[in-house]
Amino acid sequence: MGLSTMNVPATLQPDGVTLRLEEKLTLPPGRVSVTIQPAEPRNGPTMLEVLGRIHQEQLQRGRQAMTEDEMAAEIAQMRDDDKDYEARWRAIWSQVVKPKPADR
């Protein structure tokens, strides 16, 4: 039996997984391959266009981008904060979790 292709209008549900077909299929039950393409072009700007607009607006307001040194310092601070956070949780768990008894 040859492969057949069908074009059936459908709506993608908010869960991002479920498709609601607008027509009943005449295929037997079983696995199928689905190709998705939007039925209508997207309205509005793309994510990159929005980010570009935000960047331009920030520059117009006089915002200065971080220097490499400032960025490195901020990353180092975040890593230190993460280490402190982890140390606090380790201290908490050391008081809660009891060690397993040794085998005799």
PDB file of N, CA and C in Angstrom:
ATOM      1  N   MET A   1       0.850  -1.159   0.000  1.00  0.00           N
ATOM      2  CA  MET A   1       0.000   0.000   0.000  1.00  0.00           C
ATOM      3  C   MET A   1       0.902   1.231   0.000  1.00  0.00           C
ATOM      4  N   GLY A   2       0.611   2.201  -0.872  1.00  0.00           N
ATOM      5  CA  GLY A   2       1.422   3.396  -0.986  1.00  0.00           C
ATOM      6  C   GLY A   2       1.102   4.405   0.104  1.00  0.00           C
ATOM      7  N   LEU A   3       2.036   5.300   0.319  1.00  0.00           N
ATOM      8  CA  LEU A   3       1.828   6.356   1.298  1.00  0.00           C
ATOM      9  C   LEU A   3       0.955   7.433   0.680  1.00  0.00           C
ATOM     10  N   SER A   4       0.011   7.925   1.451  1.00  0.00           N
ATOM     11  CA  SER A   4      -0.831   9.008   0.962  1.00  0.00           C
ATOM     12  C   SER A   4      -0.666  10.205   1.886  1.00  0.00           C
ATOM     13  N   THR A   5      -0.854  11.384   1.327  1.00  0.00           N
ATOM     14  CA  THR A   5      -0.740  12.606   2.098  1.00  0.00           C
ATOM     15  C   THR A   5      -2.098  13.274   2.129  1.00  0.00           C
ATOM     16  N   MET A   6      -2.468  13.767   3.295  1.00  0.00           N
ATOM     17  CA  MET A   6      -3.745  14.472   3.450  1.00  0.00           C
ATOM     18  C   MET A   6      -3.457  15.845   4.028  1.00  0.00           C
ATOM     19  N   ASN A   7      -4.241  16.816   3.642  1.00  0.00           N
ATOM     20  CA  ASN A   7      -4.150  18.144   4.203  1.00  0.00           C
ATOM     21  C   ASN A   7      -5.465  18.408   4.931  1.00  0.00           C
ATOM     22  N   VAL A   8      -5.414  18.420   6.247  1.00  0.00           N
ATOM     23  CA  VAL A   8      -6.626  18.569   7.065  1.00  0.00           C
ATOM     24  C   VAL A   8      -6.460  19.779   7.969  1.00  0.00           C
ATOM     25  N   PRO A   9      -7.412  20.726   7.939  1.00  0.00           N
ATOM     26  CA  PRO A   9      -7.310  21.856   8.864  1.00  0.00           C
ATOM     27  C   PRO A   9      -7.465  21.378  10.309  1.00  0.00           C
ATOM     28  N   ALA A  10      -6.688  21.988  11.190  1.00  0.00           N
ATOM     29  CA  ALA A  10      -6.721  21.612  12.597  1.00  0.00           C
ATOM     30  C   ALA A  10      -6.365  22.822  13.438  1.00  0.00           C
ATOM     31  N   THR A  11      -6.662  22.712  14.733  1.00  0.00           N
ATOM     32  CA  THR A  11      -6.329  23.775  15.678  1.00  0.00           C
ATOM     33  C   THR A  11      -5.458  23.179  16.776  1.00  0.00           C
ATOM     34  N   LEU A  12      -4.314  23.803  17.000  1.00  0.00           N
ATOM     35  CA  LEU A  12      -3.440  23.379  18.092  1.00  0.00           C
ATOM     36  C   LEU A  12      -4.019  23.915  19.393  1.00  0.00           C
ATOM     37  N   GLN A  13      -4.234  23.038  20.360  1.00  0.00           N
ATOM     38  CA  GLN A  13      -4.824  23.419  21.631  1.00  0.00           C
ATOM     39  C   GLN A  13      -3.780  24.093  22.530  1.00  0.00           C
ATOM     40  N   PRO A  14      -4.229  24.848  23.541  1.00  0.00           N
ATOM     41  CA  PRO A  14      -3.307  25.588  24.405  1.00  0.00           C
ATOM     42  C   PRO A  14      -2.245  24.725  25.089  1.00  0.00           C
ATOM     43  N   ASP A  15      -2.497  23.434  25.261  1.00  0.00           N
ATOM     44  CA  ASP A  15      -1.495  22.583  25.917  1.00  0.00           C
ATOM     45  C   ASP A  15      -0.267  22.354  25.040  1.00  0.00           C
ATOM     46  N   GLY A  16      -0.358  22.753  23.760  1.00  0.00           N
ATOM     47  CA  GLY A  16       0.767  22.613  22.858  1.00  0.00           C
ATOM     48  C   GLY A  16       1.010  21.193  22.387  1.00  0.00           C
ATOM     49  N   VAL A  17       0.139  20.261  22.745  1.00  0.00           N
ATOM     50  CA  VAL A  17       0.314  18.859  22.388  1.00  0.00           C
ATOM     51  C   VAL A  17      -0.864  18.341  21.571  1.00  0.00           C
ATOM     52  N   THR A  18      -2.057  18.796  21.893  1.00  0.00           N
ATOM     53  CA  THR A  18      -3.279  18.274  21.308  1.00  0.00           C
ATOM     54  C   THR A  18      -3.675  19.049  20.053  1.00  0.00           C
ATOM     55  N   LEU A  19      -4.013  18.307  19.005  1.00  0.00           N
ATOM     56  CA  LEU A  19      -4.563  18.895  17.789  1.00  0.00           C
ATOM     57  C   LEU A  19      -6.039  18.525  17.697  1.00  0.00           C
ATOM     58  N   ARG A  20      -6.889  19.485  17.386  1.00  0.00           N
ATOM     59  CA  ARG A  20      -8.308  19.207  17.153  1.00  0.00           C
ATOM     60  C   ARG A  20      -8.531  19.305  15.649  1.00  0.00           C
ATOM     61  N   LEU A  21      -8.763  18.147  15.012  1.00  0.00           N
ATOM     62  CA  LEU A  21      -8.977  18.098  13.576  1.00  0.00           C
ATOM     63  C   LEU A  21     -10.373  18.604  13.241  1.00  0.00           C
ATOM     64  N   GLU A  22     -10.496  19.311  12.124  1.00  0.00           N
ATOM     65  CA  GLU A  22     -11.787  19.851  11.714  1.00  0.00           C
ATOM     66  C   GLU A  22     -12.528  18.894  10.796  1.00  0.00           C
ATOM     67  N   GLU A  23     -11.885  17.807  10.409  1.00  0.00           N
ATOM     68  CA  GLU A  23     -12.505  16.795   9.564  1.00  0.00           C
ATOM     69  C   GLU A  23     -12.150  15.417  10.109  1.00  0.00           C
ATOM     70  N   LYS A  24     -13.045  14.462   9.886  1.00  0.00           N
ATOM     71  CA  LYS A  24     -12.761  13.086  10.286  1.00  0.00           C
ATOM     72  C   LYS A  24     -11.831  12.466   9.247  1.00  0.00           C
ATOM     73  N   LEU A  25     -10.831  11.758   9.725  1.00  0.00           N
ATOM     74  CA  LEU A  25      -9.883  11.114   8.827  1.00  0.00           C
ATOM     75  C   LEU A  25     -10.406   9.762   8.369  1.00  0.00           C
ATOM     76  N   THR A  26     -10.025   9.376   7.163  1.00  0.00           N
ATOM     77  CA  THR A  26     -10.458   8.083   6.617  1.00  0.00           C
ATOM     78  C   THR A  26      -9.347   7.047   6.698  1.00  0.00           C
ATOM     79  N   LEU A  27      -8.388   7.293   7.561  1.00  0.00           N
ATOM     80  CA  LEU A  27      -7.279   6.356   7.736  1.00  0.00           C
ATOM     81  C   LEU A  27      -7.622   5.320   8.799  1.00  0.00           C
ATOM     82  N   PRO A  28      -7.010   4.141   8.718  1.00  0.00           N
ATOM     83  CA  PRO A  28      -7.211   3.163   9.785  1.00  0.00           C
ATOM     84  C   PRO A  28      -6.455   3.626  11.030  1.00  0.00           C
ATOM     85  N   PRO A  29      -6.873   3.172  12.203  1.00  0.00           N
ATOM     86  CA  PRO A  29      -6.172   3.547  13.431  1.00  0.00           C
ATOM     87  C   PRO A  29      -4.715   3.101  13.361  1.00  0.00           C
ATOM     88  N   GLY A  30      -3.848   3.860  13.994  1.00  0.00           N
ATOM     89  CA  GLY A  30      -2.432   3.528  14.036  1.00  0.00           C
ATOM     90  C   GLY A  30      -1.589   4.790  14.013  1.00  0.00           C
ATOM     91  N   ARG A  31      -0.298   4.593  14.012  1.00  0.00           N
ATOM     92  CA  ARG A  31       0.623   5.724  14.042  1.00  0.00           C
ATOM     93  C   ARG A  31       0.578   6.464  12.712  1.00  0.00           C
ATOM     94  N   VAL A  32       0.729   7.778  12.797  1.00  0.00           N
ATOM     95  CA  VAL A  32       0.790   8.628  11.616  1.00  0.00           C
ATOM     96  C   VAL A  32       1.934   9.616  11.793  1.00  0.00           C
ATOM     97  N   SER A  33       2.312  10.254  10.721  1.00  0.00           N
ATOM     98  CA  SER A  33       3.310  11.312  10.765  1.00  0.00           C
ATOM     99  C   SER A  33       2.581  12.622  10.526  1.00  0.00           C
ATOM    100  N   VAL A  34       2.886  13.627  11.325  1.00  0.00           N
ATOM    101  CA  VAL A  34       2.177  14.900  11.233  1.00  0.00           C
ATOM    102  C   VAL A  34       3.190  15.995  10.908  1.00  0.00           C
ATOM    103  N   THR A  35       2.863  16.809   9.914  1.00  0.00           N
ATOM    104  CA  THR A  35       3.663  17.979   9.574  1.00  0.00           C
ATOM    105  C   THR A  35       2.824  19.196   9.891  1.00  0.00           C
ATOM    106  N   ILE A  36       3.398  20.134  10.634  1.00  0.00           N
ATOM    107  CA  ILE A  36       2.654  21.305  11.082  1.00  0.00           C
ATOM    108  C   ILE A  36       3.180  22.546  10.381  1.00  0.00           C
ATOM    109  N   GLN A  37       2.255  23.388   9.953  1.00  0.00           N
ATOM    110  CA  GLN A  37       2.631  24.701   9.440  1.00  0.00           C
ATOM    111  C   GLN A  37       1.473  25.631   9.757  1.00  0.00           C
ATOM    112  N   PRO A  38       1.771  26.851  10.204  1.00  0.00           N
ATOM    113  CA  PRO A  38       0.694  27.784  10.543  1.00  0.00           C
ATOM    114  C   PRO A  38      -0.185  28.048   9.329  1.00  0.00           C
ATOM    115  N   ALA A  39      -1.492  28.109   9.555  1.00  0.00           N
ATOM    116  CA  ALA A  39      -2.433  28.361   8.467  1.00  0.00           C
ATOM    117  C   ALA A  39      -2.424  29.826   8.061  1.00  0.00           C
ATOM    118  N   GLU A  40      -2.068  30.695   8.986  1.00  0.00           N
ATOM    119  CA  GLU A  40      -2.044  32.125   8.725  1.00  0.00           C
ATOM    120  C   GLU A  40      -0.683  32.667   9.130  1.00  0.00           C
ATOM    121  N   PRO A  41      -0.211  33.690   8.433  1.00  0.00           N
ATOM    122  CA  PRO A  41       1.053  34.285   8.873  1.00  0.00           C
ATOM    123  C   PRO A  41       0.893  34.920  10.247  1.00  0.00           C
ATOM    124  N   ARG A  42       1.968  34.902  11.014  1.00  0.00           N
ATOM    125  CA  ARG A  42       1.927  35.502  12.358  1.00  0.00           C
ATOM    126  C   ARG A  42       1.786  37.005  12.235  1.00  0.00           C
ATOM    127  N   ASN A  43       0.977  37.546  13.091  1.00  0.00           N
ATOM    128  CA  ASN A  43       0.856  38.998  13.173  1.00  0.00           C
ATOM    129  C   ASN A  43       1.808  39.497  14.228  1.00  0.00           C
ATOM    130  N   GLY A  44       2.379  40.653  14.005  1.00  0.00           N
ATOM    131  CA  GLY A  44       3.237  41.245  15.015  1.00  0.00           C
ATOM    132  C   GLY A  44       4.687  40.926  14.781  1.00  0.00           C
ATOM    133  N   PRO A  45       5.529  41.558  15.563  1.00  0.00           N
ATOM    134  CA  PRO A  45       6.974  41.403  15.393  1.00  0.00           C
ATOM    135  C   PRO A  45       7.476  40.069  15.925  1.00  0.00           C
ATOM    136  N   THR A  46       8.633  39.669  15.417  1.00  0.00           N
ATOM    137  CA  THR A  46       9.284  38.470  15.929  1.00  0.00           C
ATOM    138  C   THR A  46       9.988  38.809  17.242  1.00  0.00           C
ATOM    139  N   MET A  47      10.447  37.786  17.941  1.00  0.00           N
ATOM    140  CA  MET A  47      11.143  38.004  19.200  1.00  0.00           C
ATOM    141  C   MET A  47      12.407  38.845  18.980  1.00  0.00           C
ATOM    142  N   LEU A  48      13.146  38.563  17.900  1.00  0.00           N
ATOM    143  CA  LEU A  48      14.365  39.329  17.637  1.00  0.00           C
ATOM    144  C   LEU A  48      14.042  40.789  17.340  1.00  0.00           C
ATOM    145  N   GLU A  49      12.951  41.045  16.657  1.00  0.00           N
ATOM    146  CA  GLU A  49      12.552  42.430  16.394  1.00  0.00           C
ATOM    147  C   GLU A  49      12.211  43.155  17.693  1.00  0.00           C
ATOM    148  N   VAL A  50      11.515  42.488  18.586  1.00  0.00           N
ATOM    149  CA  VAL A  50      11.165  43.090  19.881  1.00  0.00           C
ATOM    150  C   VAL A  50      12.427  43.381  20.687  1.00  0.00           C
ATOM    151  N   LEU A  51      13.350  42.419  20.734  1.00  0.00           N
ATOM    152  CA  LEU A  51      14.592  42.639  21.479  1.00  0.00           C
ATOM    153  C   LEU A  51      15.405  43.784  20.879  1.00  0.00           C
ATOM    154  N   GLY A  52      15.426  43.870  19.551  1.00  0.00           N
ATOM    155  CA  GLY A  52      16.127  44.968  18.899  1.00  0.00           C
ATOM    156  C   GLY A  52      15.511  46.318  19.238  1.00  0.00           C
ATOM    157  N   ARG A  53      14.177  46.368  19.268  1.00  0.00           N
ATOM    158  CA  ARG A  53      13.484  47.612  19.619  1.00  0.00           C
ATOM    159  C   ARG A  53      13.785  48.015  21.057  1.00  0.00           C
ATOM    160  N   ILE A  54      13.778  47.038  21.976  1.00  0.00           N
ATOM    161  CA  ILE A  54      14.084  47.317  23.381  1.00  0.00           C
ATOM    162  C   ILE A  54      15.504  47.865  23.496  1.00  0.00           C
ATOM    163  N   HIS A  55      16.440  47.256  22.781  1.00  0.00           N
ATOM    164  CA  HIS A  55      17.835  47.701  22.824  1.00  0.00           C
ATOM    165  C   HIS A  55      17.951  49.146  22.323  1.00  0.00           C
ATOM    166  N   GLN A  56      17.299  49.449  21.207  1.00  0.00           N
ATOM    167  CA  GLN A  56      17.359  50.806  20.658  1.00  0.00           C
ATOM    168  C   GLN A  56      16.746  51.822  21.621  1.00  0.00           C
ATOM    169  N   GLU A  57      15.624  51.460  22.245  1.00  0.00           N
ATOM    170  CA  GLU A  57      14.980  52.371  23.202  1.00  0.00           C
ATOM    171  C   GLU A  57      15.885  52.616  24.405  1.00  0.00           C
ATOM    172  N   GLN A  58      16.572  51.576  24.861  1.00  0.00           N
ATOM    173  CA  GLN A  58      17.498  51.746  25.986  1.00  0.00           C
ATOM    174  C   GLN A  58      18.647  52.676  25.613  1.00  0.00           C
ATOM    175  N   LEU A  59      19.169  52.505  24.412  1.00  0.00           N
ATOM    176  CA  LEU A  59      20.253  53.385  23.964  1.00  0.00           C
ATOM    177  C   LEU A  59      19.774  54.833  23.874  1.00  0.00           C
ATOM    178  N   GLN A  60      18.548  55.046  23.390  1.00  0.00           N
ATOM    179  CA  GLN A  60      18.001  56.400  23.281  1.00  0.00           C
ATOM    180  C   GLN A  60      17.833  57.044  24.655  1.00  0.00           C
ATOM    181  N   ARG A  61      17.559  56.224  25.666  1.00  0.00           N
ATOM    182  CA  ARG A  61      17.413  56.750  27.028  1.00  0.00           C
ATOM    183  C   ARG A  61      18.761  56.946  27.704  1.00  0.00           C
ATOM    184  N   GLY A  62      19.842  56.607  27.015  1.00  0.00           N
ATOM    185  CA  GLY A  62      21.163  56.833  27.574  1.00  0.00           C
ATOM    186  C   GLY A  62      21.743  55.662  28.338  1.00  0.00           C
ATOM    187  N   ARG A  63      21.120  54.511  28.276  1.00  0.00           N
ATOM    188  CA  ARG A  63      21.651  53.350  28.995  1.00  0.00           C
ATOM    189  C   ARG A  63      22.968  52.921  28.369  1.00  0.00           C
ATOM    190  N   GLN A  64      23.923  52.657  29.220  1.00  0.00           N
ATOM    191  CA  GLN A  64      25.232  52.179  28.771  1.00  0.00           C
ATOM    192  C   GLN A  64      25.300  50.670  28.991  1.00  0.00           C
ATOM    193  N   ALA A  65      25.779  49.956  27.990  1.00  0.00           N
ATOM    194  CA  ALA A  65      25.953  48.516  28.130  1.00  0.00           C
ATOM    195  C   ALA A  65      27.073  48.240  29.132  1.00  0.00           C
ATOM    196  N   MET A  66      26.990  47.101  29.799  1.00  0.00           N
ATOM    197  CA  MET A  66      28.032  46.725  30.748  1.00  0.00           C
ATOM    198  C   MET A  66      29.341  46.470  30.001  1.00  0.00           C
ATOM    199  N   THR A  67      30.429  46.814  30.654  1.00  0.00           N
ATOM    200  CA  THR A  67      31.741  46.471  30.104  1.00  0.00           C
ATOM    201  C   THR A  67      31.992  44.994  30.386  1.00  0.00           C
ATOM    202  N   GLU A  68      33.008  44.442  29.751  1.00  0.00           N
ATOM    203  CA  GLU A  68      33.338  43.035  30.001  1.00  0.00           C
ATOM    204  C   GLU A  68      33.714  42.815  31.457  1.00  0.00           C
ATOM    205  N   ASP A  69      34.416  43.782  32.050  1.00  0.00           N
ATOM    206  CA  ASP A  69      34.799  43.653  33.461  1.00  0.00           C
ATOM    207  C   ASP A  69      33.575  43.679  34.370  1.00  0.00           C
ATOM    208  N   GLU A  70      32.622  44.573  34.075  1.00  0.00           N
ATOM    209  CA  GLU A  70      31.394  44.634  34.885  1.00  0.00           C
ATOM    210  C   GLU A  70      30.604  43.335  34.755  1.00  0.00           C
ATOM    211  N   MET A  71      30.541  42.805  33.537  1.00  0.00           N
ATOM    212  CA  MET A  71      29.818  41.560  33.320  1.00  0.00           C
ATOM    213  C   MET A  71      30.491  40.410  34.058  1.00  0.00           C
ATOM    214  N   ALA A  72      31.827  40.353  34.000  1.00  0.00           N
ATOM    215  CA  ALA A  72      32.565  39.299  34.701  1.00  0.00           C
ATOM    216  C   ALA A  72      32.351  39.403  36.210  1.00  0.00           C
ATOM    217  N   ALA A  73      32.337  40.635  36.736  1.00  0.00           N
ATOM    218  CA  ALA A  73      32.108  40.829  38.170  1.00  0.00           C
ATOM    219  C   ALA A  73      30.707  40.386  38.560  1.00  0.00           C
ATOM    220  N   GLU A  74      29.723  40.685  37.730  1.00  0.00           N
ATOM    221  CA  GLU A  74      28.351  40.273  38.038  1.00  0.00           C
ATOM    222  C   GLU A  74      28.214  38.758  38.016  1.00  0.00           C
ATOM    223  N   ILE A  75      28.836  38.109  37.030  1.00  0.00           N
ATOM    224  CA  ILE A  75      28.794  36.644  36.962  1.00  0.00           C
ATOM    225  C   ILE A  75      29.473  36.033  38.184  1.00  0.00           C
ATOM    226  N   ALA A  76      30.621  36.597  38.583  1.00  0.00           N
ATOM    227  CA  ALA A  76      31.324  36.101  39.776  1.00  0.00           C
ATOM    228  C   ALA A  76      30.451  36.251  41.016  1.00  0.00           C
ATOM    229  N   GLN A  77      29.742  37.381  41.133  1.00  0.00           N
ATOM    230  CA  GLN A  77      28.852  37.596  42.277  1.00  0.00           C
ATOM    231  C   GLN A  77      27.720  36.566  42.290  1.00  0.00           C
ATOM    232  N   MET A  78      27.139  36.291  41.135  1.00  0.00           N
ATOM    233  CA  MET A  78      26.058  35.295  41.053  1.00  0.00           C
ATOM    234  C   MET A  78      26.569  33.912  41.462  1.00  0.00           C
ATOM    235  N   ARG A  79      27.783  33.572  41.032  1.00  0.00           N
ATOM    236  CA  ARG A  79      28.356  32.270  41.405  1.00  0.00           C
ATOM    237  C   ARG A  79      28.600  32.191  42.905  1.00  0.00           C
ATOM    238  N   ASP A  80      29.091  33.292  43.492  1.00  0.00           N
ATOM    239  CA  ASP A  80      29.291  33.321  44.942  1.00  0.00           C
ATOM    240  C   ASP A  80      27.963  33.167  45.671  1.00  0.00           C
ATOM    241  N   ASP A  81      26.925  33.855  45.168  1.00  0.00           N
ATOM    242  CA  ASP A  81      25.599  33.738  45.775  1.00  0.00           C
ATOM    243  C   ASP A  81      25.106  32.296  45.708  1.00  0.00           C
ATOM    244  N   ASP A  82      25.343  31.630  44.564  1.00  0.00           N
ATOM    245  CA  ASP A  82      24.936  30.232  44.416  1.00  0.00           C
ATOM    246  C   ASP A  82      25.672  29.337  45.410  1.00  0.00           C
ATOM    247  N   LYS A  83      26.959  29.598  45.604  1.00  0.00           N
ATOM    248  CA  LYS A  83      27.738  28.792  46.555  1.00  0.00           C
ATOM    249  C   LYS A  83      27.215  28.994  47.972  1.00  0.00           C
ATOM    250  N   ASP A  84      26.882  30.242  48.334  1.00  0.00           N
ATOM    251  CA  ASP A  84      26.325  30.521  49.658  1.00  0.00           C
ATOM    252  C   ASP A  84      24.987  29.810  49.845  1.00  0.00           C
ATOM    253  N   TYR A  85      24.141  29.874  48.834  1.00  0.00           N
ATOM    254  CA  TYR A  85      22.831  29.230  48.872  1.00  0.00           C
ATOM    255  C   TYR A  85      22.988  27.717  49.059  1.00  0.00           C
ATOM    256  N   GLU A  86      23.890  27.131  48.278  1.00  0.00           N
ATOM    257  CA  GLU A  86      24.134  25.695  48.377  1.00  0.00           C
ATOM    258  C   GLU A  86      24.658  25.322  49.762  1.00  0.00           C
ATOM    259  N   ALA A  87      25.554  26.129  50.306  1.00  0.00           N
ATOM    260  CA  ALA A  87      26.116  25.855  51.637  1.00  0.00           C
ATOM    261  C   ALA A  87      25.032  25.908  52.708  1.00  0.00           C
ATOM    262  N   ARG A  88      24.112  26.868  52.588  1.00  0.00           N
ATOM    263  CA  ARG A  88      23.008  26.945  53.560  1.00  0.00           C
ATOM    264  C   ARG A  88      22.141  25.693  53.498  1.00  0.00           C
ATOM    265  N   TRP A  89      21.836  25.226  52.286  1.00  0.00           N
ATOM    266  CA  TRP A  89      21.009  24.022  52.176  1.00  0.00           C
ATOM    267  C   TRP A  89      21.743  22.783  52.680  1.00  0.00           C
ATOM    268  N   ARG A  90      23.037  22.705  52.424  1.00  0.00           N
ATOM    269  CA  ARG A  90      23.803  21.567  52.935  1.00  0.00           C
ATOM    270  C   ARG A  90      23.782  21.555  54.470  1.00  0.00           C
ATOM    271  N   ALA A  91      23.882  22.736  55.077  1.00  0.00           N
ATOM    272  CA  ALA A  91      23.832  22.825  56.541  1.00  0.00           C
ATOM    273  C   ALA A  91      22.465  22.374  57.048  1.00  0.00           C
ATOM    274  N   ILE A  92      21.413  22.784  56.375  1.00  0.00           N
ATOM    275  CA  ILE A  92      20.058  22.381  56.783  1.00  0.00           C
ATOM    276  C   ILE A  92      19.910  20.870  56.672  1.00  0.00           C
ATOM    277  N   TRP A  93      20.292  20.310  55.507  1.00  0.00           N
ATOM    278  CA  TRP A  93      20.128  18.868  55.307  1.00  0.00           C
ATOM    279  C   TRP A  93      21.010  18.053  56.242  1.00  0.00           C
ATOM    280  N   SER A  94      22.139  18.582  56.640  1.00  0.00           N
ATOM    281  CA  SER A  94      23.001  17.833  57.558  1.00  0.00           C
ATOM    282  C   SER A  94      22.329  17.661  58.911  1.00  0.00           C
ATOM    283  N   GLN A  95      21.412  18.542  59.242  1.00  0.00           N
ATOM    284  CA  GLN A  95      20.699  18.445  60.510  1.00  0.00           C
ATOM    285  C   GLN A  95      19.444  17.588  60.393  1.00  0.00           C
ATOM    286  N   VAL A  96      18.967  17.376  59.171  1.00  0.00           N
ATOM    287  CA  VAL A  96      17.711  16.655  58.963  1.00  0.00           C
ATOM    288  C   VAL A  96      17.949  15.198  58.600  1.00  0.00           C
ATOM    289  N   VAL A  97      18.834  14.956  57.678  1.00  0.00           N
ATOM    290  CA  VAL A  97      19.060  13.612  57.169  1.00  0.00           C
ATOM    291  C   VAL A  97      20.007  12.877  58.099  1.00  0.00           C
ATOM    292  N   LYS A  98      19.555  11.726  58.559  1.00  0.00           N
ATOM    293  CA  LYS A  98      20.384  10.927  59.456  1.00  0.00           C
ATOM    294  C   LYS A  98      21.230   9.976  58.628  1.00  0.00           C
ATOM    295  N   PRO A  99      22.473   9.786  59.002  1.00  0.00           N
ATOM    296  CA  PRO A  99      23.324   8.848  58.252  1.00  0.00           C
ATOM    297  C   PRO A  99      22.798   7.428  58.402  1.00  0.00           C
ATOM    298  N   LYS A 100      23.019   6.617  57.374  1.00  0.00           N
ATOM    299  CA  LYS A 100      22.605   5.219  57.414  1.00  0.00           C
ATOM    300  C   LYS A 100      23.484   4.482  58.422  1.00  0.00           C
ATOM    301  N   PRO A 101      22.884   3.544  59.164  1.00  0.00           N
ATOM    302  CA  PRO A 101      23.717   2.789  60.102  1.00  0.00           C
ATOM    303  C   PRO A 101      24.708   1.897  59.359  1.00  0.00           C
ATOM    304  N   ALA A 102      25.880   1.745  59.933  1.00  0.00           N
ATOM    305  CA  ALA A 102      26.923   0.919  59.316  1.00  0.00           C
ATOM    306  C   ALA A 102      26.529  -0.539  59.378  1.00  0.00           C
ATOM    307  N   ASP A 103      26.873  -1.289  58.309  1.00  0.00           N
ATOM    308  CA  ASP A 103      26.602  -2.738  58.317  1.00  0.00           C
ATOM    309  C   ASP A 103      27.516  -3.425  59.322  1.00  0.00           C
ATOM    310  N   ARG A 104      26.980  -4.432  59.997  1.00  0.00           N
ATOM    311  CA  ARG A 104      27.768  -5.143  61.016  1.00  0.00           C
ATOM    312  C   ARG A 104      28.196  -6.470  60.510  1.00  0.00           C
TER     313      ARG A 104
END
